[in-house]
Amino acid sequence: MNDMIITVENLTKSYKDVPVLKGVDFAVKRGGIFTLLGSNGAGKTTTVKILSTLLTADGGEIKIDGVSIDQPKKIKEKISLTGQYASVDEMLTGRENMDMICALRDVTNRKELIHNLLDQFELAESADRKVATYSGGMRRKLDIAMSLIGTPAIIFLDEPTTGLDPQSRLVLWDTIKMLAEDGTTIFLTTHFLEEAERLADYIAI
C-alpha cells in the first residue's frame, strides 16, 4: 500500500484571466492530519474542490488513494467533504439528517450506525430535535458525523471552525483529533495559525 494517499503535481487553476493555483505540488501521508494553511483568497477552497471532484483543474496530475482524479466516481467512493458551512437540513432532526445520508450511500445497517455515530459525537440527547434548534457547534459535529457514513478513507474539512465560538472550536478540535486517531486521513484547510499548530501532523503553506 502506497504511503502517500494524495499526490498533487503542478496543479493549476485560473478563473478567467486570474490565476489562483500556479503549479502547486504536495503529497499527503496516509493517516493523521494534513493542514493546508493560508490567508483568505489563497486558493485553499479551490484546491479542496478540485481534489473532491467538484471543480476541474486546468492542469496537473492528481491521484487519491492510487486513483487518478479523472475517475470521479471512484474518487467519490473514497472521500467525504465538509465545507465551510454546515450542510445540514434544518427542517429535519439530527437523526433524520443522518438517515438521509445513509439512504443516499446505500448503507444497510442504518439504525446501528446512526446510533453509534450520534453517541460518538455526543449528539444522542438532541438526535430527535430539529437541527434548526442546534447551536453552531452541534451543527458542525452533526455535519462531520454525517461525513463518516460510508467509512471514507479521506475527509476533507474546509475551514471547519468558521463562525464557531471559542468553546465550540475546542470541542471540534477534539473531534478532529479523535477521527485521526481512528485511522482516517484528515485534509484540513484553515487560516488560523493556532488551529494548524494544535491539530496538524503535517502543514503546507
Protein backbone atom coordinates (compact mmCIF):
# COMPACT_ATOMS: atom_id res chain seq x y z
CA MET A 1 0.00 0.00 0.00
CA ASN A 2 1.35 3.43 -1.01
CA ASP A 3 2.29 5.58 2.00
CA MET A 4 1.01 8.68 0.18
CA ILE A 5 -2.77 8.79 -0.04
CA ILE A 6 -2.85 12.05 -2.04
CA THR A 7 -0.29 13.27 -4.58
CA VAL A 8 -0.59 16.58 -6.42
CA GLU A 9 1.85 17.68 -9.12
CA ASN A 10 1.88 21.02 -10.97
CA LEU A 11 -1.76 21.83 -10.16
CA THR A 12 -3.02 24.93 -11.96
CA LYS A 13 -6.37 26.74 -11.96
CA SER A 14 -7.49 30.15 -13.20
CA TYR A 15 -10.82 31.95 -13.11
CA LYS A 16 -11.00 33.76 -16.45
CA ASP A 17 -7.69 35.67 -16.55
CA VAL A 18 -6.98 35.45 -12.80
CA PRO A 19 -4.57 32.63 -11.84
CA VAL A 20 -5.46 31.07 -8.47
CA LEU A 21 -3.24 27.98 -8.36
CA LYS A 22 0.12 28.28 -10.12
CA GLY A 23 1.87 24.92 -10.25
CA VAL A 24 1.05 23.57 -6.79
CA ASP A 25 2.84 20.39 -5.60
CA PHE A 26 2.29 18.44 -2.39
CA ALA A 27 1.74 14.94 -1.05
CA VAL A 28 -0.34 13.73 1.89
CA LYS A 29 0.67 10.75 4.01
CA ARG A 30 -1.90 8.10 4.83
CA GLY A 31 -3.42 8.66 8.28
CA GLY A 32 -3.07 11.70 10.52
CA ILE A 33 -3.98 15.34 9.90
CA PHE A 34 -2.61 17.28 6.93
CA THR A 35 -3.26 21.02 7.15
CA LEU A 36 -3.25 23.49 4.29
CA LEU A 37 -2.61 26.88 5.92
CA GLY A 38 -3.19 30.15 4.08
CA SER A 39 -4.93 33.50 4.15
CA ASN A 40 -8.41 34.07 2.75
CA GLY A 41 -8.27 34.02 -1.04
CA ALA A 42 -5.07 31.95 -1.17
CA GLY A 43 -6.75 29.11 -3.09
CA LYS A 44 -7.41 26.62 -0.27
CA THR A 45 -11.08 26.06 -1.09
CA THR A 46 -10.31 25.85 -4.81
CA THR A 47 -7.76 23.12 -4.06
CA VAL A 48 -10.26 21.17 -1.95
CA LYS A 49 -12.97 21.48 -4.61
CA ILE A 50 -10.59 20.09 -7.23
CA LEU A 51 -9.46 17.21 -5.01
CA SER A 52 -13.09 16.35 -4.20
CA THR A 53 -14.04 16.45 -7.93
CA LEU A 54 -16.39 19.44 -7.57
CA LEU A 55 -14.15 21.55 -9.81
CA THR A 56 -11.91 20.69 -12.76
CA ALA A 57 -8.26 21.72 -12.74
CA ASP A 58 -6.71 23.47 -15.72
CA GLY A 59 -3.62 21.32 -15.47
CA GLY A 60 -1.60 19.00 -13.29
CA GLU A 61 -1.68 15.40 -12.11
CA ILE A 62 -3.65 14.29 -9.05
CA LYS A 63 -4.03 10.85 -7.50
CA ILE A 64 -6.15 9.99 -4.49
CA ASP A 65 -5.56 6.59 -2.90
CA GLY A 66 -3.98 5.45 -6.16
CA VAL A 67 -6.87 6.64 -8.35
CA SER A 68 -6.48 9.40 -10.92
CA ILE A 69 -8.71 12.45 -10.48
CA ASP A 70 -10.17 11.85 -13.94
CA GLN A 71 -12.16 8.94 -12.43
CA PRO A 72 -14.56 10.98 -10.23
CA LYS A 73 -16.92 8.10 -9.46
CA LYS A 74 -14.10 6.05 -7.93
CA ILE A 75 -12.74 9.10 -6.09
CA LYS A 76 -16.12 9.86 -4.51
CA GLU A 77 -16.22 6.35 -3.06
CA LYS A 78 -13.04 7.13 -1.10
CA ILE A 79 -13.70 10.63 0.19
CA SER A 80 -16.08 12.82 2.15
CA LEU A 81 -16.25 16.63 2.20
CA THR A 82 -17.36 19.05 4.89
CA GLY A 83 -17.39 22.61 3.57
CA GLN A 84 -17.05 25.94 5.35
CA TYR A 85 -20.71 25.96 6.37
CA ALA A 86 -22.64 23.01 7.78
CA SER A 87 -24.67 21.36 5.02
CA VAL A 88 -27.49 20.01 7.15
CA ASP A 89 -31.25 20.26 6.67
CA GLU A 90 -32.63 22.49 9.41
CA MET A 91 -36.19 21.17 8.98
CA LEU A 92 -35.12 17.60 9.78
CA THR A 93 -33.93 16.19 13.09
CA GLY A 94 -30.33 15.16 13.56
CA ARG A 95 -31.31 11.52 13.23
CA GLU A 96 -33.31 12.18 10.04
CA ASN A 97 -30.36 14.03 8.50
CA MET A 98 -28.14 11.02 9.13
CA ASP A 99 -30.77 8.59 7.85
CA MET A 100 -31.00 10.58 4.61
CA ILE A 101 -27.24 10.26 4.02
CA CYS A 102 -27.40 6.54 4.83
CA ALA A 103 -30.08 6.16 2.15
CA LEU A 104 -28.01 8.10 -0.40
CA ARG A 105 -24.94 5.97 0.34
CA ASP A 106 -26.97 2.74 0.38
CA VAL A 107 -25.90 1.79 3.91
CA THR A 108 -27.55 -1.39 5.18
CA ASN A 109 -27.04 -1.29 8.97
CA ARG A 110 -28.52 2.22 9.25
CA LYS A 111 -30.00 2.05 12.74
CA GLU A 112 -26.86 0.73 14.41
CA LEU A 113 -24.53 3.07 12.52
CA ILE A 114 -26.62 6.17 13.28
CA HIS A 115 -26.87 5.20 16.95
CA ASN A 116 -23.09 4.72 17.21
CA LEU A 117 -22.25 7.99 15.44
CA LEU A 118 -24.72 10.03 17.47
CA ASP A 119 -23.23 8.55 20.62
CA GLN A 120 -19.65 9.11 19.44
CA PHE A 121 -20.31 12.79 18.70
CA GLU A 122 -22.34 13.34 21.88
CA LEU A 123 -25.50 14.14 19.91
CA ALA A 124 -27.71 11.31 21.17
CA GLU A 125 -29.76 13.51 23.53
CA SER A 126 -30.53 16.03 20.78
CA ALA A 127 -30.94 13.50 17.96
CA ASP A 128 -34.72 13.87 17.71
CA ARG A 129 -34.77 17.66 17.81
CA LYS A 130 -34.92 19.70 14.61
CA VAL A 131 -31.48 20.92 13.55
CA ALA A 132 -32.86 24.48 13.48
CA THR A 133 -32.63 24.36 17.31
CA TYR A 134 -28.93 23.27 17.29
CA SER A 135 -26.03 25.55 18.17
CA GLY A 136 -23.32 26.18 15.57
CA GLY A 137 -21.02 23.68 17.24
CA MET A 138 -23.70 20.98 17.29
CA ARG A 139 -24.45 21.52 13.60
CA ARG A 140 -20.75 21.23 12.82
CA LYS A 141 -20.47 17.97 14.78
CA LEU A 142 -23.55 16.58 13.01
CA ASP A 143 -22.09 17.59 9.65
CA ILE A 144 -18.83 15.75 10.39
CA ALA A 145 -20.70 12.72 11.77
CA MET A 146 -22.67 12.57 8.51
CA SER A 147 -19.42 12.73 6.54
CA LEU A 148 -18.27 9.49 8.24
CA ILE A 149 -21.18 7.48 6.85
CA GLY A 150 -19.73 5.06 4.34
CA THR A 151 -16.30 4.98 6.11
CA PRO A 152 -14.34 7.26 3.73
CA ALA A 153 -10.56 6.91 3.61
CA ILE A 154 -10.17 10.71 3.49
CA ILE A 155 -12.24 13.51 5.00
CA PHE A 156 -11.79 16.99 3.59
CA LEU A 157 -12.56 19.67 6.18
CA ASP A 158 -12.58 23.10 4.56
CA GLU A 159 -12.18 25.71 7.34
CA PRO A 160 -14.41 23.64 9.65
CA THR A 161 -14.37 26.07 12.59
CA THR A 162 -15.53 29.10 10.58
CA GLY A 163 -18.09 31.05 12.60
CA LEU A 164 -17.76 28.96 15.77
CA ASP A 165 -17.33 30.40 19.24
CA PRO A 166 -14.08 29.51 21.12
CA GLN A 167 -15.70 26.73 23.18
CA SER A 168 -17.27 25.05 20.14
CA ARG A 169 -13.95 25.35 18.33
CA LEU A 170 -12.17 23.45 21.14
CA VAL A 171 -14.81 20.70 21.08
CA LEU A 172 -14.46 20.36 17.32
CA TRP A 173 -10.66 20.20 17.57
CA ASP A 174 -11.03 17.23 19.94
CA THR A 175 -13.42 15.57 17.48
CA ILE A 176 -10.99 16.00 14.58
CA LYS A 177 -8.13 14.54 16.63
CA MET A 178 -10.32 11.58 17.56
CA LEU A 179 -11.07 10.86 13.89
CA ALA A 180 -7.38 10.92 13.01
CA GLU A 181 -6.56 8.58 15.89
CA ASP A 182 -9.10 6.12 14.49
CA GLY A 183 -7.09 5.97 11.24
CA THR A 184 -8.98 8.38 8.96
CA THR A 185 -6.83 10.72 6.87
CA ILE A 186 -7.90 14.31 7.55
CA PHE A 187 -7.22 17.05 4.98
CA LEU A 188 -7.88 20.30 6.79
CA THR A 189 -7.75 23.87 5.50
CA THR A 190 -7.53 26.87 7.80
CA HIS A 191 -6.32 30.45 8.03
CA PHE A 192 -5.88 30.15 11.81
CA LEU A 193 -2.23 29.55 12.73
CA GLU A 194 -3.25 28.34 16.20
CA GLU A 195 -5.59 25.76 14.66
CA ALA A 196 -2.82 24.44 12.41
CA GLU A 197 -0.38 24.24 15.33
CA ARG A 198 -2.90 22.44 17.57
CA LEU A 199 -4.07 19.87 15.02
CA ALA A 200 -1.62 19.27 12.22
CA ASP A 201 0.78 16.38 11.86
CA TYR A 202 1.93 18.00 8.60
CA ILE A 203 1.49 21.58 7.35
CA ALA A 204 1.66 23.03 3.85
CA ILE A 205 1.58 26.82 3.42
